[in-house]
Amino acid sequence: MGLRGWIKRLERDAREEMIEIPQQDGAVKRFPQSAGMEAFMALMDGRDHPLAEAARNSSEREWTHSFYSAFPIDEDIEDLSE
């Protein structure tokens, strides 16, 4: 296997471990698997996360109707936790 084939195989293996979210403009946003939990925890804390933003801007229903896009961030909500 030549260098080019070896590099392509490495790229393919790396993509299998990534979360890929297609965007409305045709681009694809990629995140490591650990970003899923980070995004979920950020949303539970009322913060936004790049993965959640990508889910809201996705061209696929699977992402736009996922729990990642179910929590719109509203900065005007009063914090009653204290």
N, C-alpha and C. Protein backbone atom coordinates (compact mmCIF):
# COMPACT_ATOMS: atom_id res chain seq x y z
N MET A 1 0.86 -1.18 0.00
CA MET A 1 0.00 0.00 0.00
C MET A 1 0.90 1.23 0.00
N GLY A 2 0.61 2.13 -0.91
CA GLY A 2 1.40 3.34 -1.02
C GLY A 2 1.02 4.36 0.05
N LEU A 3 1.79 5.40 0.09
CA LEU A 3 1.56 6.47 1.08
C LEU A 3 0.17 7.08 0.93
N ARG A 4 -0.25 7.31 -0.29
CA ARG A 4 -1.57 7.91 -0.53
C ARG A 4 -2.69 7.02 0.00
N GLY A 5 -2.61 5.72 -0.26
CA GLY A 5 -3.62 4.78 0.23
C GLY A 5 -3.62 4.70 1.75
N TRP A 6 -2.44 4.76 2.34
CA TRP A 6 -2.31 4.71 3.80
C TRP A 6 -2.96 5.95 4.44
N ILE A 7 -2.73 7.11 3.84
CA ILE A 7 -3.32 8.35 4.36
C ILE A 7 -4.84 8.31 4.23
N LYS A 8 -5.33 7.84 3.09
CA LYS A 8 -6.79 7.74 2.90
C LYS A 8 -7.41 6.81 3.93
N ARG A 9 -6.75 5.70 4.22
CA ARG A 9 -7.26 4.77 5.22
C ARG A 9 -7.29 5.42 6.61
N LEU A 10 -6.26 6.16 6.96
CA LEU A 10 -6.24 6.86 8.24
C LEU A 10 -7.36 7.89 8.33
N GLU A 11 -7.59 8.63 7.24
CA GLU A 11 -8.67 9.62 7.23
C GLU A 11 -10.03 8.94 7.39
N ARG A 12 -10.23 7.82 6.70
CA ARG A 12 -11.50 7.10 6.80
C ARG A 12 -11.72 6.58 8.21
N ASP A 13 -10.67 6.02 8.83
CA ASP A 13 -10.78 5.52 10.20
C ASP A 13 -11.08 6.65 11.19
N ALA A 14 -10.48 7.81 10.97
CA ALA A 14 -10.73 8.95 11.85
C ALA A 14 -12.16 9.45 11.72
N ARG A 15 -12.71 9.46 10.50
CA ARG A 15 -14.09 9.92 10.29
C ARG A 15 -15.10 9.00 10.98
N GLU A 16 -14.78 7.71 11.09
CA GLU A 16 -15.69 6.78 11.74
C GLU A 16 -15.86 7.10 13.21
N GLU A 17 -14.90 7.76 13.81
CA GLU A 17 -14.95 8.10 15.22
C GLU A 17 -15.46 9.52 15.46
N MET A 18 -15.93 10.18 14.42
CA MET A 18 -16.39 11.56 14.53
C MET A 18 -17.91 11.63 14.42
N ILE A 19 -18.47 12.65 15.04
CA ILE A 19 -19.88 12.98 14.86
C ILE A 19 -19.93 13.95 13.68
N GLU A 20 -20.66 13.58 12.63
CA GLU A 20 -20.75 14.43 11.44
C GLU A 20 -22.16 14.99 11.32
N ILE A 21 -22.26 16.31 11.23
CA ILE A 21 -23.56 16.98 11.15
C ILE A 21 -23.59 17.80 9.86
N PRO A 22 -24.37 17.37 8.86
CA PRO A 22 -24.47 18.14 7.62
C PRO A 22 -25.19 19.46 7.86
N GLN A 23 -24.71 20.51 7.19
CA GLN A 23 -25.27 21.84 7.36
C GLN A 23 -26.12 22.23 6.16
N GLN A 24 -26.95 23.26 6.34
CA GLN A 24 -27.84 23.72 5.28
C GLN A 24 -27.09 24.25 4.07
N ASP A 25 -25.88 24.75 4.28
CA ASP A 25 -25.11 25.29 3.16
C ASP A 25 -24.29 24.23 2.43
N GLY A 26 -24.44 22.97 2.82
CA GLY A 26 -23.73 21.87 2.17
C GLY A 26 -22.45 21.44 2.87
N ALA A 27 -22.00 22.23 3.82
CA ALA A 27 -20.80 21.87 4.57
C ALA A 27 -21.14 20.77 5.57
N VAL A 28 -20.12 20.18 6.17
CA VAL A 28 -20.30 19.17 7.20
C VAL A 28 -19.48 19.59 8.40
N LYS A 29 -20.11 19.67 9.56
CA LYS A 29 -19.40 19.97 10.81
C LYS A 29 -19.04 18.64 11.45
N ARG A 30 -17.80 18.50 11.90
CA ARG A 30 -17.32 17.28 12.51
C ARG A 30 -16.86 17.56 13.94
N PHE A 31 -17.22 16.64 14.84
CA PHE A 31 -16.87 16.76 16.25
C PHE A 31 -16.39 15.42 16.76
N PRO A 32 -15.48 15.40 17.73
CA PRO A 32 -15.08 14.12 18.34
C PRO A 32 -16.27 13.55 19.14
N GLN A 33 -16.25 12.25 19.38
CA GLN A 33 -17.33 11.61 20.11
C GLN A 33 -17.56 12.26 21.48
N SER A 34 -16.51 12.72 22.13
CA SER A 34 -16.63 13.33 23.46
C SER A 34 -17.44 14.62 23.43
N ALA A 35 -17.55 15.25 22.28
CA ALA A 35 -18.31 16.51 22.18
C ALA A 35 -19.80 16.30 22.41
N GLY A 36 -20.30 15.10 22.19
CA GLY A 36 -21.71 14.83 22.44
C GLY A 36 -22.08 15.04 23.90
N MET A 37 -21.28 14.48 24.80
CA MET A 37 -21.54 14.64 26.23
C MET A 37 -21.27 16.08 26.67
N GLU A 38 -20.23 16.68 26.13
CA GLU A 38 -19.93 18.08 26.47
C GLU A 38 -21.09 18.98 26.06
N ALA A 39 -21.64 18.76 24.89
CA ALA A 39 -22.76 19.58 24.41
C ALA A 39 -23.98 19.38 25.29
N PHE A 40 -24.26 18.14 25.65
CA PHE A 40 -25.40 17.86 26.50
C PHE A 40 -25.26 18.55 27.86
N MET A 41 -24.09 18.45 28.47
CA MET A 41 -23.86 19.08 29.77
C MET A 41 -23.93 20.61 29.67
N ALA A 42 -23.41 21.17 28.60
CA ALA A 42 -23.48 22.62 28.42
C ALA A 42 -24.93 23.07 28.30
N LEU A 43 -25.73 22.34 27.54
CA LEU A 43 -27.14 22.71 27.38
C LEU A 43 -27.90 22.58 28.70
N MET A 44 -27.56 21.58 29.50
CA MET A 44 -28.22 21.43 30.81
C MET A 44 -27.86 22.59 31.74
N ASP A 45 -26.68 23.17 31.54
CA ASP A 45 -26.25 24.32 32.33
C ASP A 45 -26.74 25.63 31.75
N GLY A 46 -27.47 25.58 30.62
CA GLY A 46 -27.99 26.79 30.00
C GLY A 46 -26.99 27.48 29.09
N ARG A 47 -25.92 26.79 28.76
CA ARG A 47 -24.91 27.36 27.86
C ARG A 47 -25.06 26.74 26.49
N ASP A 48 -24.58 27.43 25.48
CA ASP A 48 -24.60 26.90 24.13
C ASP A 48 -23.31 26.13 23.88
N HIS A 49 -23.32 25.33 22.84
CA HIS A 49 -22.15 24.54 22.46
C HIS A 49 -22.11 24.48 20.94
N PRO A 50 -20.92 24.45 20.35
CA PRO A 50 -20.83 24.41 18.89
C PRO A 50 -21.57 23.22 18.27
N LEU A 51 -21.61 22.07 18.94
CA LEU A 51 -22.34 20.93 18.41
C LEU A 51 -23.84 21.21 18.39
N ALA A 52 -24.35 21.85 19.42
CA ALA A 52 -25.78 22.19 19.47
C ALA A 52 -26.12 23.22 18.39
N GLU A 53 -25.25 24.16 18.18
CA GLU A 53 -25.46 25.15 17.11
C GLU A 53 -25.47 24.47 15.75
N ALA A 54 -24.55 23.53 15.55
CA ALA A 54 -24.51 22.79 14.28
C ALA A 54 -25.78 21.95 14.11
N ALA A 55 -26.30 21.38 15.20
CA ALA A 55 -27.54 20.59 15.12
C ALA A 55 -28.72 21.47 14.73
N ARG A 56 -28.78 22.68 15.27
CA ARG A 56 -29.88 23.59 14.92
C ARG A 56 -29.80 24.05 13.47
N ASN A 57 -28.59 24.11 12.90
CA ASN A 57 -28.40 24.56 11.52
C ASN A 57 -28.27 23.40 10.53
N SER A 58 -28.60 22.20 10.97
CA SER A 58 -28.43 21.02 10.12
C SER A 58 -29.49 20.94 9.03
N SER A 59 -29.12 20.26 7.95
CA SER A 59 -30.06 20.04 6.86
C SER A 59 -30.83 18.74 7.04
N GLU A 60 -30.48 17.94 8.06
CA GLU A 60 -31.13 16.65 8.29
C GLU A 60 -32.06 16.72 9.48
N ARG A 61 -33.23 16.15 9.29
CA ARG A 61 -34.24 16.12 10.34
C ARG A 61 -33.75 15.40 11.60
N GLU A 62 -32.91 14.40 11.41
CA GLU A 62 -32.35 13.66 12.54
C GLU A 62 -31.68 14.59 13.55
N TRP A 63 -31.02 15.63 13.05
CA TRP A 63 -30.32 16.57 13.93
C TRP A 63 -31.23 17.73 14.36
N THR A 64 -32.04 18.25 13.44
CA THR A 64 -32.87 19.40 13.80
C THR A 64 -33.96 19.03 14.79
N HIS A 65 -34.31 17.74 14.90
CA HIS A 65 -35.31 17.28 15.85
C HIS A 65 -34.69 16.51 17.02
N SER A 66 -33.39 16.63 17.20
CA SER A 66 -32.72 15.95 18.30
C SER A 66 -32.76 16.83 19.56
N PHE A 67 -32.42 16.24 20.68
CA PHE A 67 -32.43 17.03 21.92
C PHE A 67 -31.35 18.09 21.92
N TYR A 68 -30.33 17.96 21.06
CA TYR A 68 -29.30 18.99 20.97
C TYR A 68 -29.87 20.31 20.46
N SER A 69 -30.89 20.26 19.63
CA SER A 69 -31.48 21.48 19.10
C SER A 69 -32.79 21.84 19.79
N ALA A 70 -33.17 21.08 20.80
CA ALA A 70 -34.45 21.30 21.48
C ALA A 70 -34.38 22.40 22.53
N PHE A 71 -33.20 22.86 22.85
CA PHE A 71 -33.04 23.84 23.91
C PHE A 71 -32.52 25.15 23.35
N PRO A 72 -33.38 26.01 22.87
CA PRO A 72 -32.88 27.30 22.39
C PRO A 72 -32.30 28.11 23.55
N ILE A 73 -31.22 28.73 23.32
CA ILE A 73 -30.57 29.53 24.36
C ILE A 73 -31.23 30.91 24.38
N ASP A 74 -31.79 31.27 25.52
CA ASP A 74 -32.44 32.56 25.69
C ASP A 74 -31.73 33.29 26.82
N GLU A 75 -31.02 34.32 26.49
CA GLU A 75 -30.22 35.06 27.48
C GLU A 75 -31.09 35.87 28.45
N ASP A 76 -32.37 36.07 28.16
CA ASP A 76 -33.22 36.90 29.00
C ASP A 76 -33.89 36.14 30.14
N ILE A 77 -33.59 34.87 30.29
CA ILE A 77 -34.21 34.09 31.36
C ILE A 77 -33.53 34.39 32.68
N GLU A 78 -34.32 34.68 33.69
CA GLU A 78 -33.79 35.00 34.99
C GLU A 78 -33.30 33.73 35.68
N ASP A 79 -32.11 33.78 36.30
CA ASP A 79 -31.55 32.64 37.01
C ASP A 79 -32.15 32.59 38.40
N LEU A 80 -32.97 31.57 38.66
CA LEU A 80 -33.64 31.43 39.96
C LEU A 80 -32.96 30.38 40.83
N SER A 81 -31.78 29.93 40.48
CA SER A 81 -31.12 28.85 41.21
C SER A 81 -30.52 29.28 42.54
N GLU A 82 -30.40 30.55 42.78
CA GLU A 82 -29.75 31.01 44.01
C GLU A 82 -30.74 31.27 45.11
